[in-house]
Protein backbone atom coordinates (compact mmCIF):
# COMPACT_ATOMS: atom_id res chain seq x y z
CA MET A 1 -84.31 -39.69 172.14
CA ASP A 2 -80.72 -40.75 172.74
CA ALA A 3 -77.93 -38.33 172.43
CA THR A 4 -75.99 -40.68 169.74
CA LEU A 5 -79.16 -40.35 167.52
CA ILE A 6 -79.73 -37.14 167.90
CA VAL A 7 -75.97 -36.27 166.77
CA LEU A 8 -76.77 -38.58 163.80
CA ARG A 9 -79.85 -36.87 162.64
CA ASP A 10 -78.31 -33.76 162.84
CA THR A 11 -75.53 -34.90 160.80
CA PHE A 12 -77.63 -36.25 158.37
CA LEU A 13 -79.13 -33.19 158.35
CA ASP A 14 -76.27 -31.12 157.59
CA ILE A 15 -74.86 -33.70 154.47
CA CYS A 16 -78.69 -33.16 152.54
CA MET A 17 -78.51 -29.46 153.46
CA LEU A 18 -75.70 -29.09 151.43
CA MET A 19 -77.09 -31.22 148.68
CA LYS A 20 -78.75 -29.95 146.10
CA SER A 21 -82.75 -30.90 145.71
CA PRO A 22 -82.65 -33.31 142.68
CA TRP A 23 -86.62 -32.91 142.47
CA GLN A 24 -87.59 -30.98 139.42
CA PRO A 25 -90.06 -28.19 140.61
CA TRP A 26 -93.68 -27.47 139.11
CA ILE A 27 -96.60 -26.27 139.91
CA ALA A 28 -99.85 -28.56 139.34
CA PRO A 29 -102.44 -26.56 137.12
CA GLY A 30 -105.97 -25.60 138.53
CA ASP A 31 -108.00 -22.79 139.50
CA GLU A 32 -106.76 -22.26 143.22
CA PRO A 33 -104.26 -20.22 144.36
CA ALA A 34 -100.60 -20.94 143.52
CA TYR A 35 -99.42 -21.92 146.93
CA GLN A 36 -102.38 -24.75 147.15
CA ARG A 37 -101.10 -25.78 143.59
CA LEU A 38 -97.24 -26.13 144.01
CA ALA A 39 -98.03 -27.73 147.45
CA ALA A 40 -100.03 -30.21 145.50
CA ALA A 41 -97.74 -30.64 142.76
CA ILE A 42 -95.04 -31.54 145.71
CA ALA A 43 -97.23 -33.76 147.59
CA GLU A 44 -98.21 -35.80 144.10
CA ASP A 45 -94.75 -36.45 143.83
CA LEU A 46 -94.11 -37.58 147.32
CA VAL A 47 -96.80 -39.96 146.53
CA ASN A 48 -95.64 -41.32 143.81
CA GLY A 49 -91.67 -41.25 144.61
CA LYS A 50 -90.55 -38.60 142.50
CA ILE A 51 -89.65 -36.75 146.04
CA ALA A 52 -87.61 -39.63 148.29
CA PRO A 53 -88.55 -39.45 152.09
CA GLY A 54 -86.87 -37.62 154.50
CA SER A 55 -85.23 -35.51 151.39
CA ARG A 56 -84.65 -31.97 151.64
CA LEU A 57 -86.38 -29.98 149.33
CA PRO A 58 -85.45 -26.83 147.54
CA ALA A 59 -84.57 -23.58 149.54
CA GLN A 60 -87.12 -21.01 149.14
CA ARG A 61 -85.73 -18.37 147.44
CA ASP A 62 -84.29 -20.92 145.32
CA LEU A 63 -87.47 -22.44 144.10
CA SER A 64 -89.24 -19.03 143.85
CA TYR A 65 -86.84 -18.08 141.34
CA ARG A 66 -86.96 -21.24 139.50
CA LEU A 67 -90.52 -21.30 139.08
CA GLY A 68 -91.07 -17.48 138.69
CA VAL A 69 -93.27 -16.89 141.59
CA GLY A 70 -93.06 -14.77 144.83
CA LEU A 71 -91.06 -15.58 147.70
CA GLY A 72 -94.28 -15.49 150.03
CA THR A 73 -96.32 -18.34 147.59
CA VAL A 74 -93.65 -20.88 148.09
CA THR A 75 -93.61 -20.06 151.93
CA LYS A 76 -97.19 -20.77 151.83
CA ALA A 77 -96.88 -23.82 149.90
CA TYR A 78 -93.96 -25.46 152.55
CA GLY A 79 -96.72 -24.32 155.60
CA LEU A 80 -99.09 -25.84 153.78
CA LEU A 81 -97.16 -28.93 153.77
CA ALA A 82 -96.49 -28.78 157.25
CA ARG A 83 -99.62 -28.09 158.28
CA GLN A 84 -100.58 -31.72 156.07
CA GLY A 85 -97.47 -33.74 157.96
CA LEU A 86 -96.14 -33.56 154.51
CA ALA A 87 -93.14 -31.57 155.35
CA SER A 88 -91.09 -30.70 158.20
CA SER A 89 -88.85 -27.43 158.67
CA PHE A 90 -85.65 -27.17 160.86
CA HIS A 91 -84.13 -24.25 161.56
CA GLY A 92 -81.18 -23.05 159.80
CA ARG A 93 -81.47 -26.33 157.81
CA GLY A 94 -84.41 -25.75 155.51
CA MET A 95 -87.72 -27.98 154.80
CA PHE A 96 -87.59 -31.69 154.66
CA ALA A 97 -90.02 -34.17 153.08
CA THR A 98 -91.23 -36.44 155.53
CA ASN A 99 -89.31 -40.10 156.20
CA LYS A 100 -92.94 -41.90 155.47
CA ILE A 101 -93.55 -43.72 152.23
CA LEU A 102 -96.92 -42.33 151.42
CA THR A 103 -98.95 -44.50 149.14
CA THR A 104 -102.35 -42.94 149.75
CA ARG A 105 -103.95 -40.86 146.86
CA LYS A 106 -105.64 -37.97 147.19
CA MET A 107 -109.45 -38.17 148.07
CA VAL A 108 -111.84 -36.15 145.66
CA ASP A 109 -114.72 -34.90 147.54
CA LEU A 110 -118.08 -34.58 145.78
CA SER A 111 -120.21 -34.39 149.11
CA LEU A 112 -120.01 -30.83 150.00
CA ASN A 113 -122.10 -28.66 148.65
CA VAL A 114 -120.47 -25.49 148.14
CA PRO A 115 -119.87 -23.12 145.32
CA PRO A 116 -116.21 -23.30 143.17
CA ASN A 117 -113.89 -20.77 145.01
CA VAL A 118 -113.57 -17.87 142.49
CA ILE A 119 -112.47 -14.99 145.26
CA SER A 120 -108.43 -14.18 144.88
CA GLU A 121 -106.05 -13.57 147.86
CA GLN A 122 -105.91 -10.32 146.68
CA LEU A 123 -109.47 -9.43 147.04
CA LEU A 124 -109.52 -11.14 150.44
CA SER A 125 -106.46 -9.28 151.81
CA GLY A 126 -107.74 -6.23 150.29
CA THR A 127 -110.71 -6.44 151.34
CA LEU A 128 -109.90 -7.28 155.47
CA ALA A 129 -107.05 -4.64 155.17
CA SER A 130 -109.94 -1.96 153.86
CA LEU A 131 -112.17 -3.13 157.02
CA ALA A 132 -108.99 -2.40 159.37
CA THR A 133 -108.82 1.00 158.41
CA THR A 134 -112.55 2.09 159.11
CA ILE A 135 -113.85 -0.31 161.59
CA ASP A 136 -114.77 1.37 164.98
CA ALA A 137 -113.87 -1.34 167.75
CA ASP A 138 -116.13 0.07 170.44
CA SER A 139 -119.45 -0.84 167.87
CA PHE A 140 -117.18 -3.93 166.93
CA GLY A 141 -116.99 -5.26 170.73
CA ALA A 142 -120.87 -4.27 171.39
CA CYS A 143 -123.35 -7.17 171.51
CA ASN A 144 -124.36 -8.07 168.25
CA PHE A 145 -128.04 -8.10 167.68
CA PRO A 146 -129.96 -10.59 165.44
CA LYS A 147 -131.81 -7.82 163.26
CA GLY A 148 -128.38 -5.93 163.15
CA THR A 149 -127.93 -2.92 162.20
CA LEU A 150 -130.69 -0.84 159.50
CA ASP A 151 -128.03 0.14 156.74
CA HIS A 152 -126.98 -3.72 156.76
CA ARG A 153 -130.26 -4.87 156.54
CA MET A 154 -130.88 -2.39 153.77
CA ALA A 155 -128.09 -3.30 151.52
CA ILE A 156 -128.96 -6.72 152.03
CA ALA A 157 -132.53 -6.52 151.19
CA GLY A 158 -131.38 -4.56 148.31
CA TRP A 159 -129.43 -6.68 146.49
CA LEU A 160 -131.29 -10.06 147.66
CA GLN A 161 -134.26 -8.29 145.44
CA HIS A 162 -132.06 -9.67 142.42
CA TYR A 163 -133.83 -13.26 143.39
CA CYS A 164 -136.44 -12.48 145.76
CA THR A 165 -138.85 -8.91 145.03
CA SER A 166 -140.48 -9.15 148.32
CA ALA A 167 -136.91 -9.19 150.16
CA ASP A 168 -137.86 -6.75 153.35
CA ALA A 169 -135.31 -5.18 155.62
CA GLU A 170 -138.20 -4.53 158.21
CA ARG A 171 -138.44 -8.12 158.12
CA MET A 172 -135.13 -9.34 157.81
CA ILE A 173 -132.97 -11.33 160.85
CA PHE A 174 -129.34 -12.17 160.51
CA CYS A 175 -128.39 -16.14 161.48
CA ASN A 176 -125.10 -17.85 161.33
CA GLY A 177 -125.52 -19.58 158.25
CA GLY A 178 -128.77 -20.90 156.71
CA GLN A 179 -129.09 -24.20 158.39
CA HIS A 180 -128.95 -22.04 161.61
CA ALA A 181 -132.07 -20.09 160.10
CA LEU A 182 -133.99 -23.19 159.53
CA SER A 183 -133.09 -24.50 163.12
CA THR A 184 -134.24 -21.23 164.41
CA VAL A 185 -137.59 -21.48 162.43
CA LEU A 186 -138.26 -25.10 163.55
CA THR A 187 -137.16 -24.29 166.82
CA ALA A 188 -139.95 -21.73 167.23
CA LEU A 189 -142.50 -23.70 165.57
CA ALA A 190 -142.10 -26.85 167.44
CA ALA A 191 -145.14 -28.17 168.97
CA PRO A 192 -146.88 -31.22 169.45
CA ASN A 193 -148.92 -30.70 167.10
CA ILE A 194 -146.68 -29.10 164.03
CA CYS A 195 -146.21 -31.67 161.26
CA LEU A 196 -143.81 -31.35 158.51
CA GLY A 197 -144.28 -32.12 154.80
CA THR A 198 -141.24 -31.92 152.45
CA ASP A 199 -140.00 -34.06 149.15
CA GLU A 200 -140.13 -37.51 149.79
CA LEU A 201 -136.32 -37.37 149.45
CA PRO A 202 -135.67 -34.57 151.68
CA PHE A 203 -133.09 -32.13 152.22
CA PRO A 204 -130.33 -34.33 155.07
CA GLY A 205 -129.88 -31.20 156.88
CA LEU A 206 -133.80 -30.74 157.48
CA LEU A 207 -134.11 -34.61 159.18
CA LYS A 208 -131.23 -33.82 161.47
CA ILE A 209 -133.28 -30.88 162.81
CA ALA A 210 -136.52 -32.70 162.94
CA HIS A 211 -135.44 -35.27 164.64
CA LEU A 212 -133.63 -33.44 167.01
CA LEU A 213 -136.52 -31.53 167.93
CA GLY A 214 -138.84 -34.24 167.69
CA ILE A 215 -141.29 -32.68 164.95
CA GLU A 216 -143.03 -35.54 162.77
CA LEU A 217 -141.80 -35.54 159.15
CA VAL A 218 -144.08 -36.47 155.75
CA GLY A 219 -143.21 -37.17 152.31
CA ILE A 220 -144.97 -35.40 149.82
CA GLU A 221 -145.35 -36.91 146.30
CA ALA A 222 -143.04 -35.44 143.71
CA ASP A 223 -142.19 -35.33 139.82
CA ARG A 224 -139.22 -34.13 137.65
CA GLU A 225 -140.61 -30.52 138.64
CA GLY A 226 -140.82 -31.02 142.22
CA LEU A 227 -143.72 -31.07 144.67
CA LEU A 228 -147.16 -32.28 143.15
CA PRO A 229 -150.13 -30.14 144.20
CA ASP A 230 -152.56 -32.33 144.36
CA ALA A 231 -150.36 -34.44 146.62
CA LEU A 232 -149.92 -31.57 148.80
CA GLY A 233 -153.74 -31.22 149.08
CA ARG A 234 -153.88 -34.97 150.31
CA ILE A 235 -151.52 -34.57 152.73
CA ALA A 236 -153.28 -31.13 154.27
CA CYS A 237 -156.53 -32.89 154.46
CA GLU A 238 -154.70 -36.22 156.26
CA VAL A 239 -152.64 -34.26 158.61
CA ALA A 240 -156.13 -31.86 159.32
CA SER A 241 -157.90 -35.17 160.37
CA ARG A 242 -155.19 -35.95 163.03
CA LYS A 243 -155.76 -32.56 164.56
CA LYS A 244 -152.33 -31.26 163.34
CA ARG A 245 -151.26 -28.11 161.37
CA LEU A 246 -149.28 -28.87 158.11
CA VAL A 247 -146.06 -26.60 157.56
CA LEU A 248 -144.50 -27.48 154.39
CA PHE A 249 -140.78 -26.87 153.75
CA THR A 250 -139.45 -26.51 150.22
CA ASN A 251 -136.43 -25.98 148.25
CA PRO A 252 -138.23 -24.46 145.02
CA THR A 253 -134.80 -24.19 143.21
CA ALA A 254 -131.72 -26.96 142.98
CA GLN A 255 -133.88 -29.23 145.52
CA ASN A 256 -130.87 -30.64 148.02
CA PRO A 257 -130.60 -33.53 147.32
CA THR A 258 -131.99 -34.14 143.61
CA GLY A 259 -131.34 -30.73 142.02
CA LYS A 260 -134.95 -30.23 140.94
CA THR A 261 -136.69 -26.56 140.17
CA MET A 262 -140.09 -25.52 140.33
CA SER A 263 -141.56 -23.16 137.79
CA ARG A 264 -143.93 -20.39 138.09
CA SER A 265 -146.69 -21.95 137.59
CA ARG A 266 -146.01 -25.06 139.80
CA ILE A 267 -145.10 -22.45 142.89
CA LYS A 268 -148.39 -20.70 142.29
CA ASP A 269 -150.14 -23.55 142.47
CA LEU A 270 -148.42 -24.84 145.77
CA ALA A 271 -148.68 -21.13 147.34
CA ALA A 272 -152.88 -21.31 146.53
CA ILE A 273 -153.14 -24.25 148.39
CA CYS A 274 -151.22 -23.25 151.23
CA LYS A 275 -153.50 -20.09 151.88
CA ARG A 276 -156.33 -22.34 151.47
CA GLU A 277 -155.68 -24.83 153.93
CA ASP A 278 -153.43 -22.51 156.06
CA ILE A 279 -150.47 -24.04 155.46
CA LEU A 280 -147.07 -22.33 157.03
CA ILE A 281 -144.43 -22.60 154.30
CA ILE A 282 -140.55 -22.21 154.96
CA GLU A 283 -138.95 -21.66 151.68
CA ASP A 284 -134.98 -22.25 151.80
CA ASP A 285 -133.70 -19.94 148.80
CA VAL A 286 -130.18 -20.94 149.38
CA TYR A 287 -129.70 -22.03 145.55
CA ALA A 288 -131.48 -18.38 144.37
CA ALA A 289 -128.30 -17.69 142.29
CA PHE A 290 -129.00 -20.52 139.77
CA ALA A 291 -133.10 -19.65 139.28
CA ALA A 292 -134.32 -18.24 135.87
CA ARG A 293 -134.35 -14.70 135.42
CA ASP A 294 -138.50 -14.54 135.69
CA ARG A 295 -138.78 -16.48 138.81
CA ILE A 296 -140.98 -16.27 141.93
CA CYS A 297 -140.90 -16.70 145.24
CA PHE A 298 -143.41 -18.35 147.70
CA LEU A 299 -142.54 -14.98 149.85
CA ASP A 300 -143.92 -13.02 146.88
CA LEU A 301 -147.17 -14.66 146.95
CA ALA A 302 -147.72 -15.48 150.87
CA PRO A 303 -145.35 -13.16 152.60
CA GLU A 304 -147.91 -13.47 155.62
CA ARG A 305 -147.27 -17.21 156.13
CA THR A 306 -143.69 -17.61 154.66
CA TYR A 307 -140.63 -18.13 156.48
CA TYR A 308 -137.61 -17.01 153.55
CA ILE A 309 -134.22 -18.02 154.23
CA ASN A 310 -131.25 -17.55 152.02
CA SER A 311 -127.53 -17.54 152.59
CA PHE A 312 -124.53 -16.08 151.56
CA ALA A 313 -122.26 -19.14 152.09
CA LYS A 314 -124.04 -20.38 148.96
CA LEU A 315 -124.35 -17.30 147.11
CA LEU A 316 -120.73 -16.07 147.64
CA THR A 317 -118.40 -18.15 149.86
CA PRO A 318 -118.82 -20.57 152.32
CA GLY A 319 -116.24 -18.77 154.58
CA LEU A 320 -119.10 -16.14 154.88
CA ARG A 321 -121.52 -17.35 157.93
CA LEU A 322 -124.60 -15.28 157.25
CA GLY A 323 -128.12 -16.39 156.94
CA VAL A 324 -131.12 -14.30 156.36
CA LEU A 325 -134.15 -14.63 157.99
CA ILE A 326 -137.30 -13.01 156.67
CA ALA A 327 -140.72 -13.76 158.38
CA PRO A 328 -143.92 -12.95 159.03
CA SER A 329 -143.93 -9.46 161.17
CA HIS A 330 -146.05 -11.04 164.25
CA GLN A 331 -143.26 -13.68 164.46
CA LEU A 332 -139.95 -11.63 164.61
CA ASP A 333 -140.17 -11.42 168.39
CA ASN A 334 -140.29 -14.91 168.95
CA LEU A 335 -137.65 -15.54 166.70
CA VAL A 336 -135.60 -13.22 168.21
CA ARG A 337 -136.29 -14.97 171.62
CA VAL A 338 -134.99 -18.42 170.08
CA LEU A 339 -131.56 -16.48 168.98
CA ARG A 340 -131.13 -14.70 171.97
CA ALA A 341 -131.82 -18.36 174.47
CA HIS A 342 -129.67 -20.38 171.89
CA GLY A 343 -126.66 -17.38 172.16
CA ALA A 344 -125.95 -17.62 168.82
CA THR A 345 -125.59 -14.61 166.19
CA ASP A 346 -123.75 -14.35 162.97
CA SER A 347 -120.27 -13.43 162.61
CA PRO A 348 -120.18 -9.31 162.53
CA ILE A 349 -116.78 -9.81 160.26
CA SER A 350 -118.96 -11.82 157.90
CA ARG A 351 -121.91 -8.82 157.61
CA LEU A 352 -118.60 -6.46 157.29
CA VAL A 353 -117.34 -8.11 154.53
CA ILE A 354 -120.74 -8.64 152.74
CA HIS A 355 -121.83 -5.12 153.20
CA LYS A 356 -118.75 -3.86 151.91
CA TRP A 357 -118.83 -6.30 148.85
CA ILE A 358 -122.45 -5.53 148.25
CA ALA A 359 -121.75 -1.58 148.03
CA ASP A 360 -118.52 -1.89 145.67
CA GLY A 361 -120.42 -3.96 143.41
CA VAL A 362 -117.97 -7.08 144.28
CA ALA A 363 -120.70 -9.18 145.66
CA SER A 364 -122.67 -9.09 141.73
CA HIS A 365 -119.31 -9.94 140.40
CA ILE A 366 -118.43 -12.88 142.25
CA SER A 367 -122.38 -14.37 142.09
CA LYS A 368 -122.39 -13.82 138.29
CA THR A 369 -118.40 -15.86 138.21
CA ALA A 370 -119.81 -18.40 140.20
CA SER A 371 -123.17 -18.91 138.02
CA ALA A 372 -121.15 -18.92 134.80
CA GLU A 373 -119.17 -21.74 136.38
CA ALA A 374 -122.00 -23.99 137.35
CA ILE A 375 -123.38 -23.58 133.47
CA VAL A 376 -119.73 -24.91 132.59
CA ARG A 377 -119.60 -27.86 135.45
CA ASN A 378 -123.37 -29.10 134.58
CA LYS A 379 -122.68 -28.92 130.79
CA LEU A 380 -119.82 -31.04 131.96
CA ALA A 381 -121.82 -33.63 133.88
CA ALA A 382 -124.58 -33.58 131.54
CA SER A 383 -122.03 -34.68 128.69
CA ILE A 384 -120.63 -37.83 130.93
CA PHE A 385 -123.83 -38.94 132.42
CA ALA A 386 -125.58 -38.17 128.40
CA SER A 387 -126.29 -42.14 128.17
CA ILE A 388 -127.82 -42.61 132.04
CA GLY A 389 -131.55 -41.87 132.17
CA ASP A 390 -131.78 -41.63 136.22
CA ALA A 391 -128.90 -38.78 136.22
CA TRP A 392 -131.03 -35.53 137.04
CA ILE A 393 -128.78 -32.76 136.18
CA GLY A 394 -130.06 -29.32 137.27
CA SER A 395 -128.87 -25.51 137.35
CA GLY A 396 -126.76 -25.26 140.66
CA PHE A 397 -123.75 -27.11 142.14
CA HIS A 398 -125.16 -30.78 142.60
CA MET A 399 -126.37 -33.33 140.62
CA PHE A 400 -128.38 -36.46 141.54
CA LEU A 401 -128.31 -39.89 140.19
CA SER A 402 -131.72 -42.01 141.37
CA MET A 403 -131.63 -45.39 142.46
CA GLY A 404 -132.81 -47.85 144.71
CA ASN A 405 -131.08 -47.80 148.08
CA SER A 406 -128.82 -50.98 147.84
CA ALA A 407 -127.59 -50.04 144.76
CA ALA A 408 -127.04 -46.44 146.15
CA VAL A 409 -125.10 -47.81 149.19
CA ALA A 410 -122.94 -50.24 146.42
CA LEU A 411 -122.17 -47.38 144.61
CA ALA A 412 -121.02 -45.14 147.55
CA ASN A 413 -118.77 -47.46 148.86
CA ALA A 414 -117.23 -48.33 145.86
CA ALA A 415 -116.42 -45.07 144.80
CA ARG A 416 -114.64 -44.60 147.99
CA GLN A 417 -112.84 -47.36 147.09
CA ARG A 418 -111.84 -45.13 144.37
CA GLY A 419 -110.66 -42.22 145.96
CA ILE A 420 -114.12 -40.70 145.50
CA ILE A 421 -116.57 -38.89 148.33
CA VAL A 422 -120.11 -38.81 147.81
CA THR A 423 -122.88 -37.66 149.69
CA ASP A 424 -124.54 -40.29 151.74
CA PRO A 425 -127.38 -42.15 150.49
CA ALA A 426 -130.94 -40.69 150.35
CA VAL A 427 -133.40 -41.81 152.44
CA SER A 428 -137.02 -41.77 151.58
CA LEU A 429 -139.89 -40.36 153.91
CA SER A 430 -142.19 -43.01 152.68
CA ALA A 431 -142.41 -46.18 154.21
CA GLY A 432 -141.50 -49.48 152.28
CA ASN A 433 -140.43 -46.95 149.55
CA ASP A 434 -136.69 -48.09 147.99
CA GLN A 435 -136.82 -45.01 146.61
CA SER A 436 -132.87 -43.60 146.96
CA GLY A 437 -129.93 -41.99 145.35
CA ILE A 438 -126.68 -40.11 145.52
CA ARG A 439 -125.75 -36.72 145.14
CA LEU A 440 -123.04 -35.57 143.44
CA CYS A 441 -122.00 -32.25 144.40
CA LEU A 442 -120.17 -30.23 141.60
CA GLY A 443 -118.70 -27.20 142.75
CA GLY A 444 -115.74 -28.06 145.15
CA PRO A 445 -113.26 -29.70 143.04
CA THR A 446 -111.05 -28.51 140.26
CA ARG A 447 -112.55 -29.23 136.76
CA ASP A 448 -110.00 -31.93 136.33
CA GLU A 449 -110.85 -33.61 139.15
CA LEU A 450 -114.42 -33.09 139.03
CA SER A 451 -113.97 -34.33 134.78
CA GLY A 452 -112.14 -37.45 136.36
CA ALA A 453 -114.37 -38.86 139.46
CA LEU A 454 -117.56 -38.13 137.36
CA LYS A 455 -116.33 -40.49 134.43
CA GLU A 456 -115.31 -42.73 137.19
CA ILE A 457 -118.91 -42.44 138.67
CA ALA A 458 -120.69 -43.28 135.77
CA ALA A 459 -118.76 -46.22 135.00
CA LEU A 460 -119.33 -47.32 138.26
CA HIS A 461 -123.21 -46.87 137.81
CA VAL A 462 -123.24 -48.85 134.33
CA GLN A 463 -121.60 -51.90 136.02
CA LEU A 464 -124.38 -51.67 138.92
CA GLY A 465 -127.28 -51.82 136.00
CA HIS A 466 -125.92 -54.60 134.33
CA ALA A 467 -126.20 -56.35 137.61
CA THR A 468 -129.31 -55.75 139.26
CA LYS A 469 -130.20 -59.29 139.89
CA ALA A 470 -127.08 -59.55 142.09
CA SER A 471 -127.09 -59.09 145.87
CA ALA A 472 -125.72 -55.79 147.32
CA GLU A 473 -123.19 -57.63 148.57
CA ASP A 474 -122.07 -59.40 145.60
CA LEU A 475 -122.29 -56.16 143.49
CA GLU A 476 -119.65 -54.48 145.80
CA GLY A 477 -117.47 -57.11 145.46
CA ASN A 478 -117.77 -57.42 142.02
CA ILE A 479 -117.13 -53.70 141.59
CA ASN A 480 -114.19 -53.23 143.82
CA ALA A 481 -112.73 -56.79 142.39
């Protein structure tokens, strides 16, 4: 930079430093930590012009006093703004807003299927501080074996028995999340004669792994309760006639993407067919916390053929990357070989945190709080979509809008134009079937953000319904006009 420009810039900043910021501070409402809400308030006022580009933000101690919050809250809020490119700190002069005119609106993300954040900073910092005084550096630095320590497996198995009574420490392996557990099982099973049967509108993560491994996928017809037993029987016979072996993948609770949940009787009927037709079962139970209290699992009914998957990223918080895989005893060594070949293991820190939270009762508290929040958010969604018959609202943190593929694409694009990100439209496994839809995730945004976004989506859905005879291009153009 030219020396003259540097002098002019520094002179300008010195003048700004002597001027008191005209901005009237406030903290945005919501459930997030105070520093995030303070940063959100500043960002909002940058966008709406209440804070001029390049202007000096209040001194940290002054802002702390005026808002009645800790100095650390302001420091973290300013740090967050700096990382977002919305402010810059000049040593000895203070914090200055970006000199760019901001016209972008905040995007509301309904594509991330995560539980709401119910963990406080105090809980997290307290847990890590406690672990720091007890952790053994030698054992922490040692190789992290997939089966973990017996005390960790026993504690986690005991806690998971609230959701699956057959959770067994002896047959338990730890992975780096539920997706990693699924990838491990499919890698171990992958063979030319394997055929994977699942819902006609399948879990998107399953599609990616199966295609990567070259595993054939076949859709199984379902109703509002999930997979149909008769349809599974027909598929089993068809696959057997081609000299292949069928493996069933299922989300019995809050199926992803549709949110459907199977009843006890439906699970029993499907498990009986799997036993009769010698079908292996992959049970993805990551939404177990949202199941009925009298639930039953495939692992309970057919442990000799079931690969059971759960994940603390869904049960507690996405920050804990610990997947649990319970497999038939004779398959454990093969699964461990796959994990060793991939060189991927779970996080030792995540395992230690979860073990402590289980022992202290914190895990149960978080799970109950998240489940209570799920009830509130599903009631909110149900009230907004009450007049829309194709809205499927379940018990977890996602709902589903069923529609044809062209309408789903138009809705997703129109939503993005309004600052709302949704999951990519569902893709049917049945050839020539236009069945599709949009998954809306309810856990990530604040309640206020969620309410506003769902109302906009509902309005867009109604507009699409009134224009079903138009082409997809015309629909999108009319909505965005």
